[in-house]
Amino acid sequence: MLVLTRRVGESILIFPSDELSPGTLVSALFGDGPIQVTLTRTNGNQARIGIVAPAALTIAREELA
């Protein structure tokens, strides 16, 4: 599980990794199951979010993408 902290108005992006061929079908990306997003903790205006996703997907904070 990848855990990220986000503040109000900040985003997380989930997209196919650069290693995938452009013709990869969406059904192939989710062959091992869905993406699971869990709110693990809140503290004031911050939230910790846990994400479990297939390795073929990249998860990044919006400011790094």
Protein backbone atom coordinates (compact mmCIF):
# COMPACT_ATOMS: atom_id res chain seq x y z
CA MET A 1 0.00 0.00 0.00
CA LEU A 2 1.29 3.43 -0.95
CA VAL A 3 0.32 6.08 1.62
CA LEU A 4 0.25 9.76 0.65
CA THR A 5 -0.70 12.82 2.67
CA ARG A 6 -2.83 15.42 0.94
CA ARG A 7 -4.18 18.77 2.07
CA VAL A 8 -7.44 20.38 1.01
CA GLY A 9 -7.30 21.07 -2.74
CA GLU A 10 -4.30 18.79 -3.47
CA SER A 11 -4.66 15.85 -5.86
CA ILE A 12 -3.34 12.39 -6.63
CA LEU A 13 -2.97 11.19 -10.23
CA ILE A 14 -3.26 7.55 -11.31
CA PHE A 15 -2.21 6.70 -14.86
CA PRO A 16 -0.62 3.87 -16.90
CA SER A 17 3.14 3.51 -16.40
CA ASP A 18 5.52 4.43 -19.21
CA GLU A 19 6.44 0.75 -19.57
CA LEU A 20 3.01 -0.17 -20.99
CA SER A 21 2.44 -0.24 -24.70
CA PRO A 22 -0.01 2.42 -25.94
CA GLY A 23 -2.35 -0.32 -27.18
CA THR A 24 -2.84 -1.91 -23.74
CA LEU A 25 -6.52 -2.45 -23.04
CA VAL A 26 -8.08 -1.07 -19.86
CA SER A 27 -9.30 -4.58 -19.03
CA ALA A 28 -5.64 -5.73 -18.98
CA LEU A 29 -4.75 -3.02 -16.44
CA PHE A 30 -7.42 -4.22 -14.04
CA GLY A 31 -6.96 -7.96 -14.59
CA ASP A 32 -5.73 -8.36 -10.99
CA GLY A 33 -8.62 -6.38 -9.53
CA PRO A 34 -9.71 -2.82 -8.86
CA ILE A 35 -7.79 0.07 -7.36
CA GLN A 36 -8.40 0.30 -3.61
CA VAL A 37 -8.31 3.75 -1.98
CA THR A 38 -8.49 3.95 1.83
CA LEU A 39 -8.64 7.04 4.02
CA THR A 40 -6.20 6.02 6.76
CA ARG A 41 -6.15 9.14 8.95
CA THR A 42 -7.21 12.76 9.13
CA ASN A 43 -5.52 15.57 11.03
CA GLY A 44 -6.96 19.06 10.65
CA ASN A 45 -6.85 19.95 6.95
CA GLN A 46 -4.68 16.91 6.04
CA ALA A 47 -5.72 13.40 5.07
CA ARG A 48 -3.56 10.29 4.72
CA ILE A 49 -4.71 8.16 1.82
CA GLY A 50 -3.62 4.58 1.20
CA ILE A 51 -3.73 3.22 -2.36
CA VAL A 52 -3.40 -0.37 -3.57
CA ALA A 53 -3.20 -0.61 -7.37
CA PRO A 54 -1.73 -2.87 -10.05
CA ALA A 55 2.00 -2.37 -10.69
CA ALA A 56 1.19 -1.33 -14.26
CA LEU A 57 -0.23 1.94 -12.92
CA THR A 58 1.73 4.94 -11.72
CA ILE A 59 0.49 6.89 -8.70
CA ALA A 60 1.87 10.38 -8.19
CA ARG A 61 1.19 13.57 -6.32
CA GLU A 62 -0.15 16.11 -8.80
CA GLU A 63 2.80 18.48 -8.28
CA LEU A 64 5.29 15.76 -9.35
CA ALA A 65 3.55 14.69 -12.56
